[in-house]
Amino acid sequence: MESLEDLKIKNSQLNNRLSLLEERTRVLQKELQQQLNLRESELVELKRYHDKLTYLEKRYRALSNSILGKVMLNYWALRKKVKNRLHR
């Protein structure tokens, strides 16, 4: 059977280990919370860009389906070709 002193030493060691593990847990929880906040802000930004892209796609479809819009898109394509030829 272990002596009282041995049990006290073991108890002290276990308490120290428990303290270290609790501190480690707090640090990991803090890091996890920071990562969660970062990912959440990235998702908000991604949603904002997705909404903007959806709006622009809708406007582009409306433009390309109208008569004047088709003329304008052809004009822009022609301008781009001319510009690329001039830069060669």
PDB file of N, CA and C in Angstrom:
ATOM      1  N   MET A   1       0.837  -1.186   0.000  1.00  0.00           N
ATOM      2  CA  MET A   1       0.000   0.000   0.000  1.00  0.00           C
ATOM      3  C   MET A   1       0.879   1.245   0.000  1.00  0.00           C
ATOM      4  N   GLU A   2       0.413   2.245  -0.671  1.00  0.00           N
ATOM      5  CA  GLU A   2       1.203   3.468  -0.798  1.00  0.00           C
ATOM      6  C   GLU A   2       1.062   4.311   0.461  1.00  0.00           C
ATOM      7  N   SER A   3       2.104   5.028   0.702  1.00  0.00           N
ATOM      8  CA  SER A   3       2.072   5.884   1.891  1.00  0.00           C
ATOM      9  C   SER A   3       1.292   7.155   1.590  1.00  0.00           C
ATOM     10  N   LEU A   4       0.978   7.850   2.615  1.00  0.00           N
ATOM     11  CA  LEU A   4       0.221   9.100   2.502  1.00  0.00           C
ATOM     12  C   LEU A   4       1.018  10.137   1.716  1.00  0.00           C
ATOM     13  N   GLU A   5       2.328  10.172   1.925  1.00  0.00           N
ATOM     14  CA  GLU A   5       3.176  11.123   1.194  1.00  0.00           C
ATOM     15  C   GLU A   5       3.174  10.813  -0.299  1.00  0.00           C
ATOM     16  N   ASP A   6       3.252   9.546  -0.640  1.00  0.00           N
ATOM     17  CA  ASP A   6       3.217   9.155  -2.050  1.00  0.00           C
ATOM     18  C   ASP A   6       1.894   9.558  -2.689  1.00  0.00           C
ATOM     19  N   LEU A   7       0.822   9.374  -1.971  1.00  0.00           N
ATOM     20  CA  LEU A   7      -0.500   9.761  -2.493  1.00  0.00           C
ATOM     21  C   LEU A   7      -0.621  11.270  -2.655  1.00  0.00           C
ATOM     22  N   LYS A   8      -0.041  12.018  -1.730  1.00  0.00           N
ATOM     23  CA  LYS A   8      -0.060  13.486  -1.836  1.00  0.00           C
ATOM     24  C   LYS A   8       0.739  13.953  -3.051  1.00  0.00           C
ATOM     25  N   ILE A   9       1.880  13.317  -3.266  1.00  0.00           N
ATOM     26  CA  ILE A   9       2.712  13.667  -4.431  1.00  0.00           C
ATOM     27  C   ILE A   9       1.964  13.342  -5.722  1.00  0.00           C
ATOM     28  N   LYS A  10       1.355  12.177  -5.789  1.00  0.00           N
ATOM     29  CA  LYS A  10       0.575  11.802  -6.974  1.00  0.00           C
ATOM     30  C   LYS A  10      -0.581  12.762  -7.198  1.00  0.00           C
ATOM     31  N   ASN A  11      -1.244  13.132  -6.110  1.00  0.00           N
ATOM     32  CA  ASN A  11      -2.360  14.064  -6.194  1.00  0.00           C
ATOM     33  C   ASN A  11      -1.879  15.415  -6.722  1.00  0.00           C
ATOM     34  N   SER A  12      -0.754  15.873  -6.238  1.00  0.00           N
ATOM     35  CA  SER A  12      -0.189  17.138  -6.689  1.00  0.00           C
ATOM     36  C   SER A  12       0.168  17.070  -8.172  1.00  0.00           C
ATOM     37  N   GLN A  13       0.776  15.963  -8.582  1.00  0.00           N
ATOM     38  CA  GLN A  13       1.135  15.782  -9.986  1.00  0.00           C
ATOM     39  C   GLN A  13      -0.106  15.757 -10.877  1.00  0.00           C
ATOM     40  N   LEU A  14      -1.105  15.064 -10.422  1.00  0.00           N
ATOM     41  CA  LEU A  14      -2.358  15.000 -11.191  1.00  0.00           C
ATOM     42  C   LEU A  14      -3.029  16.366 -11.266  1.00  0.00           C
ATOM     43  N   ASN A  15      -2.997  17.107 -10.186  1.00  0.00           N
ATOM     44  CA  ASN A  15      -3.571  18.461 -10.199  1.00  0.00           C
ATOM     45  C   ASN A  15      -2.810  19.365 -11.157  1.00  0.00           C
ATOM     46  N   ASN A  16      -1.479  19.247 -11.157  1.00  0.00           N
ATOM     47  CA  ASN A  16      -0.679  20.033 -12.093  1.00  0.00           C
ATOM     48  C   ASN A  16      -1.003  19.667 -13.537  1.00  0.00           C
ATOM     49  N   ARG A  17      -1.110  18.385 -13.782  1.00  0.00           N
ATOM     50  CA  ARG A  17      -1.446  17.926 -15.129  1.00  0.00           C
ATOM     51  C   ARG A  17      -2.841  18.402 -15.538  1.00  0.00           C
ATOM     52  N   LEU A  18      -3.764  18.348 -14.616  1.00  0.00           N
ATOM     53  CA  LEU A  18      -5.114  18.825 -14.883  1.00  0.00           C
ATOM     54  C   LEU A  18      -5.110  20.315 -15.214  1.00  0.00           C
ATOM     55  N   SER A  19      -4.332  21.078 -14.480  1.00  0.00           N
ATOM     56  CA  SER A  19      -4.230  22.523 -14.736  1.00  0.00           C
ATOM     57  C   SER A  19      -3.671  22.782 -16.130  1.00  0.00           C
ATOM     58  N   LEU A  20      -2.639  22.034 -16.493  1.00  0.00           N
ATOM     59  CA  LEU A  20      -2.059  22.195 -17.828  1.00  0.00           C
ATOM     60  C   LEU A  20      -3.064  21.839 -18.919  1.00  0.00           C
ATOM     61  N   LEU A  21      -3.785  20.767 -18.708  1.00  0.00           N
ATOM     62  CA  LEU A  21      -4.789  20.358 -19.697  1.00  0.00           C
ATOM     63  C   LEU A  21      -5.923  21.372 -19.803  1.00  0.00           C
ATOM     64  N   GLU A  22      -6.333  21.935 -18.689  1.00  0.00           N
ATOM     65  CA  GLU A  22      -7.391  22.958 -18.714  1.00  0.00           C
ATOM     66  C   GLU A  22      -6.908  24.206 -19.442  1.00  0.00           C
ATOM     67  N   GLU A  23      -5.664  24.600 -19.217  1.00  0.00           N
ATOM     68  CA  GLU A  23      -5.110  25.766 -19.910  1.00  0.00           C
ATOM     69  C   GLU A  23      -5.014  25.495 -21.411  1.00  0.00           C
ATOM     70  N   ARG A  24      -4.568  24.320 -21.746  1.00  0.00           N
ATOM     71  CA  ARG A  24      -4.483  23.933 -23.153  1.00  0.00           C
ATOM     72  C   ARG A  24      -5.864  23.955 -23.809  1.00  0.00           C
ATOM     73  N   THR A  25      -6.843  23.471 -23.078  1.00  0.00           N
ATOM     74  CA  THR A  25      -8.214  23.477 -23.588  1.00  0.00           C
ATOM     75  C   THR A  25      -8.713  24.898 -23.824  1.00  0.00           C
ATOM     76  N   ARG A  26      -8.412  25.808 -22.899  1.00  0.00           N
ATOM     77  CA  ARG A  26      -8.820  27.206 -23.061  1.00  0.00           C
ATOM     78  C   ARG A  26      -8.163  27.829 -24.288  1.00  0.00           C
ATOM     79  N   VAL A  27      -6.870  27.550 -24.470  1.00  0.00           N
ATOM     80  CA  VAL A  27      -6.163  28.092 -25.631  1.00  0.00           C
ATOM     81  C   VAL A  27      -6.764  27.555 -26.925  1.00  0.00           C
ATOM     82  N   LEU A  28      -7.023  26.264 -26.967  1.00  0.00           N
ATOM     83  CA  LEU A  28      -7.603  25.662 -28.168  1.00  0.00           C
ATOM     84  C   LEU A  28      -9.010  26.188 -28.443  1.00  0.00           C
ATOM     85  N   GLN A  29      -9.783  26.396 -27.389  1.00  0.00           N
ATOM     86  CA  GLN A  29     -11.128  26.947 -27.575  1.00  0.00           C
ATOM     87  C   GLN A  29     -11.050  28.364 -28.118  1.00  0.00           C
ATOM     88  N   LYS A  30     -10.087  29.132 -27.639  1.00  0.00           N
ATOM     89  CA  LYS A  30      -9.921  30.507 -28.129  1.00  0.00           C
ATOM     90  C   LYS A  30      -9.529  30.500 -29.604  1.00  0.00           C
ATOM     91  N   GLU A  31      -8.593  29.628 -29.969  1.00  0.00           N
ATOM     92  CA  GLU A  31      -8.195  29.514 -31.375  1.00  0.00           C
ATOM     93  C   GLU A  31      -9.362  29.057 -32.241  1.00  0.00           C
ATOM     94  N   LEU A  32     -10.124  28.122 -31.748  1.00  0.00           N
ATOM     95  CA  LEU A  32     -11.283  27.634 -32.481  1.00  0.00           C
ATOM     96  C   LEU A  32     -12.306  28.742 -32.693  1.00  0.00           C
ATOM     97  N   GLN A  33     -12.529  29.545 -31.672  1.00  0.00           N
ATOM     98  CA  GLN A  33     -13.473  30.659 -31.793  1.00  0.00           C
ATOM     99  C   GLN A  33     -12.973  31.676 -32.820  1.00  0.00           C
ATOM    100  N   GLN A  34     -11.668  31.942 -32.820  1.00  0.00           N
ATOM    101  CA  GLN A  34     -11.106  32.869 -33.802  1.00  0.00           C
ATOM    102  C   GLN A  34     -11.280  32.334 -35.213  1.00  0.00           C
ATOM    103  N   GLN A  35     -11.021  31.051 -35.406  1.00  0.00           N
ATOM    104  CA  GLN A  35     -11.198  30.443 -36.723  1.00  0.00           C
ATOM    105  C   GLN A  35     -12.665  30.474 -37.157  1.00  0.00           C
ATOM    106  N   LEU A  36     -13.545  30.223 -36.217  1.00  0.00           N
ATOM    107  CA  LEU A  36     -14.976  30.262 -36.512  1.00  0.00           C
ATOM    108  C   LEU A  36     -15.400  31.662 -36.946  1.00  0.00           C
ATOM    109  N   ASN A  37     -14.925  32.672 -36.231  1.00  0.00           N
ATOM    110  CA  ASN A  37     -15.255  34.053 -36.592  1.00  0.00           C
ATOM    111  C   ASN A  37     -14.700  34.408 -37.966  1.00  0.00           C
ATOM    112  N   LEU A  38     -13.483  33.960 -38.247  1.00  0.00           N
ATOM    113  CA  LEU A  38     -12.879  34.229 -39.546  1.00  0.00           C
ATOM    114  C   LEU A  38     -13.679  33.570 -40.666  1.00  0.00           C
ATOM    115  N   ARG A  39     -14.029  32.318 -40.490  1.00  0.00           N
ATOM    116  CA  ARG A  39     -14.805  31.606 -41.521  1.00  0.00           C
ATOM    117  C   ARG A  39     -16.186  32.234 -41.708  1.00  0.00           C
ATOM    118  N   GLU A  40     -16.773  32.688 -40.608  1.00  0.00           N
ATOM    119  CA  GLU A  40     -18.086  33.321 -40.702  1.00  0.00           C
ATOM    120  C   GLU A  40     -18.000  34.611 -41.514  1.00  0.00           C
ATOM    121  N   SER A  41     -16.963  35.408 -41.269  1.00  0.00           N
ATOM    122  CA  SER A  41     -16.812  36.650 -42.037  1.00  0.00           C
ATOM    123  C   SER A  41     -16.529  36.343 -43.503  1.00  0.00           C
ATOM    124  N   GLU A  42     -15.778  35.267 -43.771  1.00  0.00           N
ATOM    125  CA  GLU A  42     -15.538  34.872 -45.157  1.00  0.00           C
ATOM    126  C   GLU A  42     -16.831  34.439 -45.843  1.00  0.00           C
ATOM    127  N   LEU A  43     -17.673  33.743 -45.121  1.00  0.00           N
ATOM    128  CA  LEU A  43     -18.957  33.329 -45.699  1.00  0.00           C
ATOM    129  C   LEU A  43     -19.851  34.526 -45.995  1.00  0.00           C
ATOM    130  N   VAL A  44     -19.843  35.513 -45.110  1.00  0.00           N
ATOM    131  CA  VAL A  44     -20.639  36.726 -45.339  1.00  0.00           C
ATOM    132  C   VAL A  44     -20.140  37.441 -46.591  1.00  0.00           C
ATOM    133  N   GLU A  45     -18.812  37.543 -46.721  1.00  0.00           N
ATOM    134  CA  GLU A  45     -18.234  38.191 -47.896  1.00  0.00           C
ATOM    135  C   GLU A  45     -18.545  37.406 -49.164  1.00  0.00           C
ATOM    136  N   LEU A  46     -18.447  36.082 -49.076  1.00  0.00           N
ATOM    137  CA  LEU A  46     -18.762  35.235 -50.223  1.00  0.00           C
ATOM    138  C   LEU A  46     -20.217  35.407 -50.648  1.00  0.00           C
ATOM    139  N   LYS A  47     -21.130  35.489 -49.700  1.00  0.00           N
ATOM    140  CA  LYS A  47     -22.543  35.692 -50.023  1.00  0.00           C
ATOM    141  C   LYS A  47     -22.748  37.034 -50.717  1.00  0.00           C
ATOM    142  N   ARG A  48     -22.031  38.059 -50.220  1.00  0.00           N
ATOM    143  CA  ARG A  48     -22.155  39.386 -50.834  1.00  0.00           C
ATOM    144  C   ARG A  48     -21.694  39.339 -52.292  1.00  0.00           C
ATOM    145  N   TYR A  49     -20.560  38.668 -52.550  1.00  0.00           N
ATOM    146  CA  TYR A  49     -20.073  38.561 -53.926  1.00  0.00           C
ATOM    147  C   TYR A  49     -21.007  37.706 -54.775  1.00  0.00           C
ATOM    148  N   HIS A  50     -21.565  36.677 -54.201  1.00  0.00           N
ATOM    149  CA  HIS A  50     -22.507  35.835 -54.944  1.00  0.00           C
ATOM    150  C   HIS A  50     -23.749  36.638 -55.331  1.00  0.00           C
ATOM    151  N   ASP A  51     -24.268  37.427 -54.406  1.00  0.00           N
ATOM    152  CA  ASP A  51     -25.439  38.256 -54.705  1.00  0.00           C
ATOM    153  C   ASP A  51     -25.128  39.266 -55.802  1.00  0.00           C
ATOM    154  N   LYS A  52     -23.924  39.856 -55.733  1.00  0.00           N
ATOM    155  CA  LYS A  52     -23.535  40.832 -56.752  1.00  0.00           C
ATOM    156  C   LYS A  52     -23.402  40.153 -58.110  1.00  0.00           C
ATOM    157  N   LEU A  53     -22.808  38.964 -58.139  1.00  0.00           N
ATOM    158  CA  LEU A  53     -22.669  38.219 -59.385  1.00  0.00           C
ATOM    159  C   LEU A  53     -24.033  37.866 -59.965  1.00  0.00           C
ATOM    160  N   THR A  54     -24.949  37.440 -59.128  1.00  0.00           N
ATOM    161  CA  THR A  54     -26.296  37.097 -59.579  1.00  0.00           C
ATOM    162  C   THR A  54     -26.979  38.312 -60.189  1.00  0.00           C
ATOM    163  N   TYR A  55     -26.830  39.461 -59.540  1.00  0.00           N
ATOM    164  CA  TYR A  55     -27.425  40.701 -60.052  1.00  0.00           C
ATOM    165  C   TYR A  55     -26.818  41.056 -61.415  1.00  0.00           C
ATOM    166  N   LEU A  56     -25.484  40.969 -61.513  1.00  0.00           N
ATOM    167  CA  LEU A  56     -24.835  41.331 -62.776  1.00  0.00           C
ATOM    168  C   LEU A  56     -25.198  40.359 -63.893  1.00  0.00           C
ATOM    169  N   GLU A  57     -25.319  39.073 -63.570  1.00  0.00           N
ATOM    170  CA  GLU A  57     -25.741  38.101 -64.584  1.00  0.00           C
ATOM    171  C   GLU A  57     -27.158  38.407 -65.079  1.00  0.00           C
ATOM    172  N   LYS A  58     -28.009  38.786 -64.165  1.00  0.00           N
ATOM    173  CA  LYS A  58     -29.395  39.130 -64.532  1.00  0.00           C
ATOM    174  C   LYS A  58     -29.406  40.350 -65.446  1.00  0.00           C
ATOM    175  N   ARG A  59     -28.607  41.354 -65.102  1.00  0.00           N
ATOM    176  CA  ARG A  59     -28.552  42.575 -65.918  1.00  0.00           C
ATOM    177  C   ARG A  59     -27.955  42.269 -67.293  1.00  0.00           C
ATOM    178  N   TYR A  60     -26.919  41.405 -67.332  1.00  0.00           N
ATOM    179  CA  TYR A  60     -26.295  41.048 -68.605  1.00  0.00           C
ATOM    180  C   TYR A  60     -27.289  40.311 -69.500  1.00  0.00           C
ATOM    181  N   ARG A  61     -28.052  39.381 -68.920  1.00  0.00           N
ATOM    182  CA  ARG A  61     -29.055  38.660 -69.716  1.00  0.00           C
ATOM    183  C   ARG A  61     -30.098  39.622 -70.269  1.00  0.00           C
ATOM    184  N   ALA A  62     -30.509  40.578 -69.442  1.00  0.00           N
ATOM    185  CA  ALA A  62     -31.495  41.558 -69.911  1.00  0.00           C
ATOM    186  C   ALA A  62     -30.913  42.392 -71.044  1.00  0.00           C
ATOM    187  N   LEU A  63     -29.652  42.769 -70.902  1.00  0.00           N
ATOM    188  CA  LEU A  63     -28.998  43.566 -71.940  1.00  0.00           C
ATOM    189  C   LEU A  63     -28.838  42.763 -73.225  1.00  0.00           C
ATOM    190  N   SER A  64     -28.374  41.525 -73.093  1.00  0.00           N
ATOM    191  CA  SER A  64     -28.120  40.725 -74.296  1.00  0.00           C
ATOM    192  C   SER A  64     -29.403  40.288 -74.991  1.00  0.00           C
ATOM    193  N   ASN A  65     -30.520  40.324 -74.310  1.00  0.00           N
ATOM    194  CA  ASN A  65     -31.786  39.939 -74.934  1.00  0.00           C
ATOM    195  C   ASN A  65     -32.486  41.106 -75.618  1.00  0.00           C
ATOM    196  N   SER A  66     -32.063  42.320 -75.357  1.00  0.00           N
ATOM    197  CA  SER A  66     -32.696  43.461 -76.021  1.00  0.00           C
ATOM    198  C   SER A  66     -31.985  43.740 -77.352  1.00  0.00           C
ATOM    199  N   ILE A  67     -32.676  44.394 -78.249  1.00  0.00           N
ATOM    200  CA  ILE A  67     -32.113  44.679 -79.569  1.00  0.00           C
ATOM    201  C   ILE A  67     -30.921  45.627 -79.450  1.00  0.00           C
ATOM    202  N   LEU A  68     -31.105  46.728 -78.751  1.00  0.00           N
ATOM    203  CA  LEU A  68     -29.995  47.667 -78.590  1.00  0.00           C
ATOM    204  C   LEU A  68     -28.849  47.051 -77.792  1.00  0.00           C
ATOM    205  N   GLY A  69     -29.191  46.188 -76.877  1.00  0.00           N
ATOM    206  CA  GLY A  69     -28.159  45.512 -76.098  1.00  0.00           C
ATOM    207  C   GLY A  69     -27.302  44.605 -76.959  1.00  0.00           C
ATOM    208  N   LYS A  70     -27.931  43.896 -77.886  1.00  0.00           N
ATOM    209  CA  LYS A  70     -27.177  43.035 -78.796  1.00  0.00           C
ATOM    210  C   LYS A  70     -26.244  43.863 -79.665  1.00  0.00           C
ATOM    211  N   VAL A  71     -26.747  44.995 -80.127  1.00  0.00           N
ATOM    212  CA  VAL A  71     -25.910  45.881 -80.939  1.00  0.00           C
ATOM    213  C   VAL A  71     -24.718  46.363 -80.102  1.00  0.00           C
ATOM    214  N   MET A  72     -24.973  46.745 -78.872  1.00  0.00           N
ATOM    215  CA  MET A  72     -23.917  47.247 -78.003  1.00  0.00           C
ATOM    216  C   MET A  72     -22.881  46.164 -77.701  1.00  0.00           C
ATOM    217  N   LEU A  73     -23.315  44.940 -77.447  1.00  0.00           N
ATOM    218  CA  LEU A  73     -22.380  43.845 -77.181  1.00  0.00           C
ATOM    219  C   LEU A  73     -21.515  43.550 -78.404  1.00  0.00           C
ATOM    220  N   ASN A  74     -22.112  43.592 -79.586  1.00  0.00           N
ATOM    221  CA  ASN A  74     -21.338  43.393 -80.811  1.00  0.00           C
ATOM    222  C   ASN A  74     -20.323  44.519 -81.002  1.00  0.00           C
ATOM    223  N   TYR A  75     -20.730  45.738 -80.706  1.00  0.00           N
ATOM    224  CA  TYR A  75     -19.837  46.887 -80.815  1.00  0.00           C
ATOM    225  C   TYR A  75     -18.649  46.730 -79.852  1.00  0.00           C
ATOM    226  N   TRP A  76     -18.918  46.321 -78.633  1.00  0.00           N
ATOM    227  CA  TRP A  76     -17.839  46.137 -77.659  1.00  0.00           C
ATOM    228  C   TRP A  76     -16.884  45.034 -78.099  1.00  0.00           C
ATOM    229  N   ALA A  77     -17.422  43.951 -78.664  1.00  0.00           N
ATOM    230  CA  ALA A  77     -16.576  42.853 -79.147  1.00  0.00           C
ATOM    231  C   ALA A  77     -15.696  43.338 -80.302  1.00  0.00           C
ATOM    232  N   LEU A  78     -16.265  44.121 -81.193  1.00  0.00           N
ATOM    233  CA  LEU A  78     -15.517  44.664 -82.320  1.00  0.00           C
ATOM    234  C   LEU A  78     -14.418  45.609 -81.827  1.00  0.00           C
ATOM    235  N   ARG A  79     -14.760  46.454 -80.885  1.00  0.00           N
ATOM    236  CA  ARG A  79     -13.763  47.376 -80.312  1.00  0.00           C
ATOM    237  C   ARG A  79     -12.605  46.613 -79.680  1.00  0.00           C
ATOM    238  N   LYS A  80     -12.924  45.535 -79.011  1.00  0.00           N
ATOM    239  CA  LYS A  80     -11.897  44.724 -78.361  1.00  0.00           C
ATOM    240  C   LYS A  80     -10.963  44.103 -79.400  1.00  0.00           C
ATOM    241  N   LYS A  81     -11.536  43.613 -80.517  1.00  0.00           N
ATOM    242  CA  LYS A  81     -10.723  43.033 -81.580  1.00  0.00           C
ATOM    243  C   LYS A  81      -9.791  44.077 -82.175  1.00  0.00           C
ATOM    244  N   VAL A  82     -10.333  45.263 -82.437  1.00  0.00           N
ATOM    245  CA  VAL A  82      -9.524  46.333 -83.013  1.00  0.00           C
ATOM    246  C   VAL A  82      -8.413  46.734 -82.047  1.00  0.00           C
ATOM    247  N   LYS A  83      -8.725  46.841 -80.801  1.00  0.00           N
ATOM    248  CA  LYS A  83      -7.739  47.223 -79.787  1.00  0.00           C
ATOM    249  C   LYS A  83      -6.624  46.181 -79.695  1.00  0.00           C
ATOM    250  N   ASN A  84      -6.997  44.907 -79.727  1.00  0.00           N
ATOM    251  CA  ASN A  84      -5.997  43.841 -79.655  1.00  0.00           C
ATOM    252  C   ASN A  84      -5.098  43.839 -80.890  1.00  0.00           C
ATOM    253  N   ARG A  85      -5.643  44.156 -82.051  1.00  0.00           N
ATOM    254  CA  ARG A  85      -4.842  44.199 -83.280  1.00  0.00           C
ATOM    255  C   ARG A  85      -3.871  45.370 -83.253  1.00  0.00           C
ATOM    256  N   LEU A  86      -4.283  46.474 -82.665  1.00  0.00           N
ATOM    257  CA  LEU A  86      -3.420  47.644 -82.595  1.00  0.00           C
ATOM    258  C   LEU A  86      -2.261  47.448 -81.627  1.00  0.00           C
ATOM    259  N   HIS A  87      -2.438  46.625 -80.616  1.00  0.00           N
ATOM    260  CA  HIS A  87      -1.400  46.403 -79.613  1.00  0.00           C
ATOM    261  C   HIS A  87      -0.384  45.352 -80.025  1.00  0.00           C
ATOM    262  N   ARG A  88      -0.588  44.682 -81.154  1.00  0.00           N
ATOM    263  CA  ARG A  88       0.359  43.645 -81.598  1.00  0.00           C
ATOM    264  C   ARG A  88       1.555  44.241 -82.211  1.00  0.00           C
TER     265      ARG A  88
END
